[in-house]
PDB file of all heavy atoms in Angstrom:
ATOM      1  N   GLN A   1      -7.350 -16.887  22.844  1.00  0.00           N
ATOM      2  CA  GLN A   1      -7.284 -15.534  22.276  1.00  0.00           C
ATOM      3  C   GLN A   1      -8.337 -15.386  21.077  1.00  0.00           C
ATOM      4  O   GLN A   1      -8.686 -16.335  20.504  1.00  0.00           O
ATOM      5  CB  GLN A   1      -6.007 -15.146  21.836  1.00  0.00           C
ATOM      6  CG  GLN A   1      -4.889 -15.218  22.970  1.00  0.00           C
ATOM      7  CD  GLN A   1      -5.066 -14.302  23.965  1.00  0.00           C
ATOM      8  OE1 GLN A   1      -5.421 -13.135  23.723  1.00  0.00           O
ATOM      9  NE2 GLN A   1      -4.939 -14.667  25.160  1.00  0.00           N
ATOM     10  N   GLN A   2      -8.678 -14.081  20.809  1.00  0.00           N
ATOM     11  CA  GLN A   2      -9.468 -13.937  19.627  1.00  0.00           C
ATOM     12  C   GLN A   2      -8.739 -14.086  18.372  1.00  0.00           C
ATOM     13  O   GLN A   2      -7.461 -13.825  18.376  1.00  0.00           O
ATOM     14  CB  GLN A   2     -10.126 -12.701  19.664  1.00  0.00           C
ATOM     15  CG  GLN A   2     -11.303 -12.486  20.712  1.00  0.00           C
ATOM     16  CD  GLN A   2     -12.016 -11.101  20.668  1.00  0.00           C
ATOM     17  OE1 GLN A   2     -11.498 -10.199  20.280  1.00  0.00           O
ATOM     18  NE2 GLN A   2     -13.180 -11.127  21.078  1.00  0.00           N
ATOM     19  N   ARG A   3      -9.340 -14.404  17.178  1.00  0.00           N
ATOM     20  CA  ARG A   3      -8.671 -14.377  16.065  1.00  0.00           C
ATOM     21  C   ARG A   3      -8.285 -12.949  15.639  1.00  0.00           C
ATOM     22  O   ARG A   3      -9.089 -12.044  15.859  1.00  0.00           O
ATOM     23  CB  ARG A   3      -9.564 -15.028  14.957  1.00  0.00           C
ATOM     24  CG  ARG A   3      -8.880 -15.346  13.560  1.00  0.00           C
ATOM     25  CD  ARG A   3      -9.799 -15.977  12.644  1.00  0.00           C
ATOM     26  NE  ARG A   3     -10.111 -17.226  13.188  1.00  0.00           N
ATOM     27  CZ  ARG A   3     -10.981 -18.256  12.481  1.00  0.00           C
ATOM     28  NH1 ARG A   3     -11.172 -17.962  11.188  1.00  0.00           N
ATOM     29  NH2 ARG A   3     -11.177 -19.412  13.012  1.00  0.00           N
ATOM     30  N   GLU A   4      -7.071 -12.887  15.170  1.00  0.00           N
ATOM     31  CA  GLU A   4      -6.540 -11.495  14.863  1.00  0.00           C
ATOM     32  C   GLU A   4      -5.898 -11.412  13.506  1.00  0.00           C
ATOM     33  O   GLU A   4      -5.386 -12.495  12.937  1.00  0.00           O
ATOM     34  CB  GLU A   4      -5.529 -11.015  15.940  1.00  0.00           C
ATOM     35  CG  GLU A   4      -4.273 -11.991  15.965  1.00  0.00           C
ATOM     36  CD  GLU A   4      -3.232 -11.467  16.880  1.00  0.00           C
ATOM     37  OE1 GLU A   4      -3.419 -10.518  17.781  1.00  0.00           O
ATOM     38  OE2 GLU A   4      -2.093 -11.996  16.951  1.00  0.00           O
ATOM     39  N   LEU A   5      -5.884 -10.234  12.921  1.00  0.00           N
ATOM     40  CA  LEU A   5      -5.375 -10.147  11.550  1.00  0.00           C
ATOM     41  C   LEU A   5      -3.703 -10.222  11.729  1.00  0.00           C
ATOM     42  O   LEU A   5      -3.170  -9.649  12.600  1.00  0.00           O
ATOM     43  CB  LEU A   5      -5.711  -8.702  10.998  1.00  0.00           C
ATOM     44  CG  LEU A   5      -4.840  -8.271   9.718  1.00  0.00           C
ATOM     45  CD1 LEU A   5      -5.363  -9.182   8.537  1.00  0.00           C
ATOM     46  CD2 LEU A   5      -5.178  -6.870   9.535  1.00  0.00           C
ATOM     47  N   VAL A   6      -3.127 -10.896  10.722  1.00  0.00           N
ATOM     48  CA  VAL A   6      -1.687 -10.874  10.598  1.00  0.00           C
ATOM     49  C   VAL A   6      -1.235  -9.985   9.410  1.00  0.00           C
ATOM     50  O   VAL A   6      -0.448  -9.140   9.537  1.00  0.00           O
ATOM     51  CB  VAL A   6      -1.146 -12.324  10.332  1.00  0.00           C
ATOM     52  CG1 VAL A   6       0.347 -12.368  10.191  1.00  0.00           C
ATOM     53  CG2 VAL A   6      -1.540 -13.203  11.646  1.00  0.00           C
ATOM     54  N   ALA A   7      -1.799 -10.237   8.116  1.00  0.00           N
ATOM     55  CA  ALA A   7      -1.427  -9.607   6.987  1.00  0.00           C
ATOM     56  C   ALA A   7      -2.595  -9.696   5.996  1.00  0.00           C
ATOM     57  O   ALA A   7      -3.322 -10.711   6.019  1.00  0.00           O
ATOM     58  CB  ALA A   7      -0.153 -10.134   6.422  1.00  0.00           C
ATOM     59  N   ARG A   8      -2.745  -8.566   5.113  1.00  0.00           N
ATOM     60  CA  ARG A   8      -3.637  -8.668   4.078  1.00  0.00           C
ATOM     61  C   ARG A   8      -2.970  -8.124   2.764  1.00  0.00           C
ATOM     62  O   ARG A   8      -1.972  -7.429   2.873  1.00  0.00           O
ATOM     63  CB  ARG A   8      -4.935  -7.767   4.438  1.00  0.00           C
ATOM     64  CG  ARG A   8      -5.745  -8.291   5.466  1.00  0.00           C
ATOM     65  CD  ARG A   8      -7.191  -7.706   5.421  1.00  0.00           C
ATOM     66  NE  ARG A   8      -7.900  -8.222   4.229  1.00  0.00           N
ATOM     67  CZ  ARG A   8      -8.414  -9.266   4.088  1.00  0.00           C
ATOM     68  NH1 ARG A   8      -8.495 -10.225   5.078  1.00  0.00           N
ATOM     69  NH2 ARG A   8      -9.127  -9.568   2.965  1.00  0.00           N
ATOM     70  N   ILE A   9      -3.472  -8.657   1.745  1.00  0.00           N
ATOM     71  CA  ILE A   9      -2.994  -8.159   0.454  1.00  0.00           C
ATOM     72  C   ILE A   9      -4.178  -7.950  -0.491  1.00  0.00           C
ATOM     73  O   ILE A   9      -5.072  -8.853  -0.651  1.00  0.00           O
ATOM     74  CB  ILE A   9      -1.815  -9.100  -0.297  1.00  0.00           C
ATOM     75  CG1 ILE A   9      -1.393  -8.548  -1.539  1.00  0.00           C
ATOM     76  CG2 ILE A   9      -2.471 -10.585  -0.432  1.00  0.00           C
ATOM     77  CD1 ILE A   9      -0.147  -9.205  -1.954  1.00  0.00           C
ATOM     78  N   THR A  10      -4.270  -6.894  -1.101  1.00  0.00           N
ATOM     79  CA  THR A  10      -5.538  -6.605  -1.878  1.00  0.00           C
ATOM     80  C   THR A  10      -5.456  -7.242  -3.301  1.00  0.00           C
ATOM     81  O   THR A  10      -4.371  -7.717  -3.735  1.00  0.00           O
ATOM     82  CB  THR A  10      -5.808  -5.081  -2.080  1.00  0.00           C
ATOM     83  OG1 THR A  10      -4.669  -4.508  -2.890  1.00  0.00           O
ATOM     84  CG2 THR A  10      -5.710  -4.457  -0.749  1.00  0.00           C
ATOM     85  N   THR A  11      -6.449  -6.952  -4.102  1.00  0.00           N
ATOM     86  CA  THR A  11      -6.356  -7.461  -5.450  1.00  0.00           C
ATOM     87  C   THR A  11      -5.342  -6.855  -6.280  1.00  0.00           C
ATOM     88  O   THR A  11      -4.687  -7.343  -7.214  1.00  0.00           O
ATOM     89  CB  THR A  11      -7.854  -7.405  -6.235  1.00  0.00           C
ATOM     90  OG1 THR A  11      -8.056  -5.985  -6.069  1.00  0.00           O
ATOM     91  CG2 THR A  11      -8.762  -8.233  -5.609  1.00  0.00           C
ATOM     92  N   GLY A  12      -5.030  -5.619  -5.927  1.00  0.00           N
ATOM     93  CA  GLY A  12      -3.914  -4.778  -6.566  1.00  0.00           C
ATOM     94  C   GLY A  12      -2.607  -5.010  -6.121  1.00  0.00           C
ATOM     95  O   GLY A  12      -1.662  -4.400  -6.612  1.00  0.00           O
ATOM     96  N   GLY A  13      -2.513  -5.761  -5.031  1.00  0.00           N
ATOM     97  CA  GLY A  13      -1.115  -6.014  -4.531  1.00  0.00           C
ATOM     98  C   GLY A  13      -0.820  -5.068  -3.217  1.00  0.00           C
ATOM     99  O   GLY A  13       0.405  -5.261  -2.814  1.00  0.00           O
ATOM    100  N   SER A  14      -1.666  -4.212  -2.862  1.00  0.00           N
ATOM    101  CA  SER A  14      -1.335  -3.502  -1.511  1.00  0.00           C
ATOM    102  C   SER A  14      -1.408  -4.374  -0.316  1.00  0.00           C
ATOM    103  O   SER A  14      -2.288  -5.246  -0.311  1.00  0.00           O
ATOM    104  CB  SER A  14      -2.323  -2.276  -1.484  1.00  0.00           C
ATOM    105  OG  SER A  14      -2.177  -1.458  -2.584  1.00  0.00           O
ATOM    106  N   THR A  15      -0.401  -4.071   0.543  1.00  0.00           N
ATOM    107  CA  THR A  15      -0.375  -4.919   1.749  1.00  0.00           C
ATOM    108  C   THR A  15      -0.426  -4.051   2.952  1.00  0.00           C
ATOM    109  O   THR A  15      -0.139  -2.870   3.009  1.00  0.00           O
ATOM    110  CB  THR A  15       0.969  -5.645   1.732  1.00  0.00           C
ATOM    111  OG1 THR A  15       2.073  -4.727   1.712  1.00  0.00           O
ATOM    112  CG2 THR A  15       1.139  -6.590   0.517  1.00  0.00           C
ATOM    113  N   ASN A  16      -0.978  -4.678   4.018  1.00  0.00           N
ATOM    114  CA  ASN A  16      -0.816  -4.109   5.428  1.00  0.00           C
ATOM    115  C   ASN A  16      -0.653  -5.257   6.353  1.00  0.00           C
ATOM    116  O   ASN A  16      -0.932  -6.401   6.102  1.00  0.00           O
ATOM    117  CB  ASN A  16      -2.090  -3.379   5.742  1.00  0.00           C
ATOM    118  CG  ASN A  16      -3.345  -4.079   5.833  1.00  0.00           C
ATOM    119  OD1 ASN A  16      -3.828  -4.501   4.956  1.00  0.00           O
ATOM    120  ND2 ASN A  16      -3.770  -4.333   7.180  1.00  0.00           N
ATOM    121  N   TYR A  17       0.079  -4.845   7.474  1.00  0.00           N
ATOM    122  CA  TYR A  17       0.537  -5.892   8.343  1.00  0.00           C
ATOM    123  C   TYR A  17       0.126  -5.527   9.901  1.00  0.00           C
ATOM    124  O   TYR A  17       0.100  -4.257  10.150  1.00  0.00           O
ATOM    125  CB  TYR A  17       1.977  -6.138   8.340  1.00  0.00           C
ATOM    126  CG  TYR A  17       2.567  -6.672   7.050  1.00  0.00           C
ATOM    127  CD1 TYR A  17       2.875  -5.843   5.928  1.00  0.00           C
ATOM    128  CD2 TYR A  17       2.726  -8.067   6.844  1.00  0.00           C
ATOM    129  CE1 TYR A  17       3.297  -6.229   4.754  1.00  0.00           C
ATOM    130  CE2 TYR A  17       3.176  -8.542   5.547  1.00  0.00           C
ATOM    131  CZ  TYR A  17       3.388  -7.742   4.632  1.00  0.00           C
ATOM    132  OH  TYR A  17       3.982  -8.160   3.426  1.00  0.00           O
ATOM    133  N   ALA A  18      -0.074  -6.389  10.760  1.00  0.00           N
ATOM    134  CA  ALA A  18      -0.142  -6.136  12.126  1.00  0.00           C
ATOM    135  C   ALA A  18       1.147  -5.685  12.685  1.00  0.00           C
ATOM    136  O   ALA A  18       2.214  -6.202  12.231  1.00  0.00           O
ATOM    137  CB  ALA A  18      -0.779  -7.384  12.884  1.00  0.00           C
ATOM    138  N   ASP A  19       1.058  -4.785  13.630  1.00  0.00           N
ATOM    139  CA  ASP A  19       2.251  -4.259  14.137  1.00  0.00           C
ATOM    140  C   ASP A  19       3.348  -5.274  14.697  1.00  0.00           C
ATOM    141  O   ASP A  19       4.602  -5.135  14.416  1.00  0.00           O
ATOM    142  CB  ASP A  19       2.043  -3.310  15.294  1.00  0.00           C
ATOM    143  CG  ASP A  19       1.529  -1.998  14.708  1.00  0.00           C
ATOM    144  OD1 ASP A  19       1.702  -1.758  13.554  1.00  0.00           O
ATOM    145  OD2 ASP A  19       0.921  -1.122  15.510  1.00  0.00           O
ATOM    146  N   PRO A  20       2.856  -6.385  15.374  1.00  0.00           N
ATOM    147  CA  PRO A  20       3.816  -7.380  15.887  1.00  0.00           C
ATOM    148  C   PRO A  20       4.560  -8.109  14.906  1.00  0.00           C
ATOM    149  O   PRO A  20       5.693  -8.766  15.228  1.00  0.00           O
ATOM    150  CB  PRO A  20       2.924  -8.273  16.688  1.00  0.00           C
ATOM    151  CG  PRO A  20       1.598  -7.570  17.046  1.00  0.00           C
ATOM    152  CD  PRO A  20       1.525  -6.672  15.794  1.00  0.00           C
ATOM    153  N   VAL A  21       4.005  -8.074  13.557  1.00  0.00           N
ATOM    154  CA  VAL A  21       4.898  -8.842  12.521  1.00  0.00           C
ATOM    155  C   VAL A  21       5.517  -8.002  11.517  1.00  0.00           C
ATOM    156  O   VAL A  21       6.209  -8.568  10.706  1.00  0.00           O
ATOM    157  CB  VAL A  21       3.880  -9.877  11.892  1.00  0.00           C
ATOM    158  CG1 VAL A  21       3.041 -10.726  12.939  1.00  0.00           C
ATOM    159  CG2 VAL A  21       2.925  -9.142  10.946  1.00  0.00           C
ATOM    160  N   LYS A  22       5.359  -6.762  11.582  1.00  0.00           N
ATOM    161  CA  LYS A  22       5.912  -5.791  10.570  1.00  0.00           C
ATOM    162  C   LYS A  22       7.486  -6.008  10.600  1.00  0.00           C
ATOM    163  O   LYS A  22       8.103  -6.134  11.723  1.00  0.00           O
ATOM    164  CB  LYS A  22       5.585  -4.422  10.876  1.00  0.00           C
ATOM    165  CG  LYS A  22       4.139  -3.978  10.530  1.00  0.00           C
ATOM    166  CD  LYS A  22       3.983  -2.564  10.945  1.00  0.00           C
ATOM    167  CE  LYS A  22       2.451  -2.127  10.405  1.00  0.00           C
ATOM    168  NZ  LYS A  22       2.261  -0.693  10.841  1.00  0.00           N
ATOM    169  N   GLY A  23       8.009  -6.138   9.359  1.00  0.00           N
ATOM    170  CA  GLY A  23       9.350  -6.342   9.309  1.00  0.00           C
ATOM    171  C   GLY A  23       9.901  -7.767   9.313  1.00  0.00           C
ATOM    172  O   GLY A  23      11.004  -8.161   9.085  1.00  0.00           O
ATOM    173  N   ARG A  24       8.999  -8.740   9.787  1.00  0.00           N
ATOM    174  CA  ARG A  24       9.316 -10.082   9.892  1.00  0.00           C
ATOM    175  C   ARG A  24       8.477 -11.084   8.885  1.00  0.00           C
ATOM    176  O   ARG A  24       9.015 -11.976   8.477  1.00  0.00           O
ATOM    177  CB  ARG A  24       9.188 -10.531  11.318  1.00  0.00           C
ATOM    178  CG  ARG A  24       9.934  -9.775  12.393  1.00  0.00           C
ATOM    179  CD  ARG A  24       9.713 -10.462  13.895  1.00  0.00           C
ATOM    180  NE  ARG A  24       8.321 -10.524  14.362  1.00  0.00           N
ATOM    181  CZ  ARG A  24       7.583 -11.538  14.643  1.00  0.00           C
ATOM    182  NH1 ARG A  24       8.272 -12.716  14.460  1.00  0.00           N
ATOM    183  NH2 ARG A  24       6.481 -11.452  15.134  1.00  0.00           N
ATOM    184  N   PHE A  25       7.329 -10.652   8.591  1.00  0.00           N
ATOM    185  CA  PHE A  25       6.408 -11.363   7.859  1.00  0.00           C
ATOM    186  C   PHE A  25       6.187 -10.607   6.545  1.00  0.00           C
ATOM    187  O   PHE A  25       6.217  -9.383   6.482  1.00  0.00           O
ATOM    188  CB  PHE A  25       5.122 -11.588   8.425  1.00  0.00           C
ATOM    189  CG  PHE A  25       5.004 -12.517   9.780  1.00  0.00           C
ATOM    190  CD1 PHE A  25       6.305 -12.844  10.284  1.00  0.00           C
ATOM    191  CD2 PHE A  25       3.886 -12.949  10.240  1.00  0.00           C
ATOM    192  CE1 PHE A  25       6.229 -13.781  11.351  1.00  0.00           C
ATOM    193  CE2 PHE A  25       3.798 -13.842  11.374  1.00  0.00           C
ATOM    194  CZ  PHE A  25       5.073 -14.179  11.984  1.00  0.00           C
ATOM    195  N   THR A  26       6.007 -11.486   5.358  1.00  0.00           N
ATOM    196  CA  THR A  26       5.701 -10.947   4.117  1.00  0.00           C
ATOM    197  C   THR A  26       4.613 -11.678   3.431  1.00  0.00           C
ATOM    198  O   THR A  26       4.769 -13.050   3.249  1.00  0.00           O
ATOM    199  CB  THR A  26       7.072 -10.979   3.249  1.00  0.00           C
ATOM    200  OG1 THR A  26       8.048 -10.166   3.780  1.00  0.00           O
ATOM    201  CG2 THR A  26       6.718 -10.293   1.875  1.00  0.00           C
ATOM    202  N   VAL A  27       3.599 -11.071   2.980  1.00  0.00           N
ATOM    203  CA  VAL A  27       2.638 -11.725   2.335  1.00  0.00           C
ATOM    204  C   VAL A  27       2.605 -11.439   0.853  1.00  0.00           C
ATOM    205  O   VAL A  27       3.111 -10.411   0.311  1.00  0.00           O
ATOM    206  CB  VAL A  27       1.210 -11.261   2.772  1.00  0.00           C
ATOM    207  CG1 VAL A  27       0.977  -9.676   2.614  1.00  0.00           C
ATOM    208  CG2 VAL A  27       0.101 -12.025   2.085  1.00  0.00           C
ATOM    209  N   SER A  28       2.381 -12.493  -0.019  1.00  0.00           N
ATOM    210  CA  SER A  28       2.523 -12.373  -1.533  1.00  0.00           C
ATOM    211  C   SER A  28       1.467 -13.176  -2.131  1.00  0.00           C
ATOM    212  O   SER A  28       0.841 -14.133  -1.443  1.00  0.00           O
ATOM    213  CB  SER A  28       3.851 -12.706  -1.895  1.00  0.00           C
ATOM    214  OG  SER A  28       4.236 -13.983  -1.588  1.00  0.00           O
ATOM    215  N   ARG A  29       1.063 -12.834  -3.381  1.00  0.00           N
ATOM    216  CA  ARG A  29       0.187 -13.559  -4.104  1.00  0.00           C
ATOM    217  C   ARG A  29       0.510 -13.627  -5.538  1.00  0.00           C
ATOM    218  O   ARG A  29       0.196 -12.816  -6.464  1.00  0.00           O
ATOM    219  CB  ARG A  29      -1.266 -12.917  -3.929  1.00  0.00           C
ATOM    220  CG  ARG A  29      -1.254 -11.507  -4.403  1.00  0.00           C
ATOM    221  CD  ARG A  29      -2.730 -10.944  -4.213  1.00  0.00           C
ATOM    222  NE  ARG A  29      -3.719 -11.637  -4.761  1.00  0.00           N
ATOM    223  CZ  ARG A  29      -5.101 -11.466  -4.671  1.00  0.00           C
ATOM    224  NH1 ARG A  29      -5.462 -10.712  -3.689  1.00  0.00           N
ATOM    225  NH2 ARG A  29      -5.980 -12.192  -5.389  1.00  0.00           N
TER     226      ARG A  29
END
């Protein structure tokens, strides 16, 4: 498979998640 986005978090702490992992995964920094 191709590499795919799971989750991102910006310098300001905003996050976004791929649909398959929403509600199950949490990214933090």
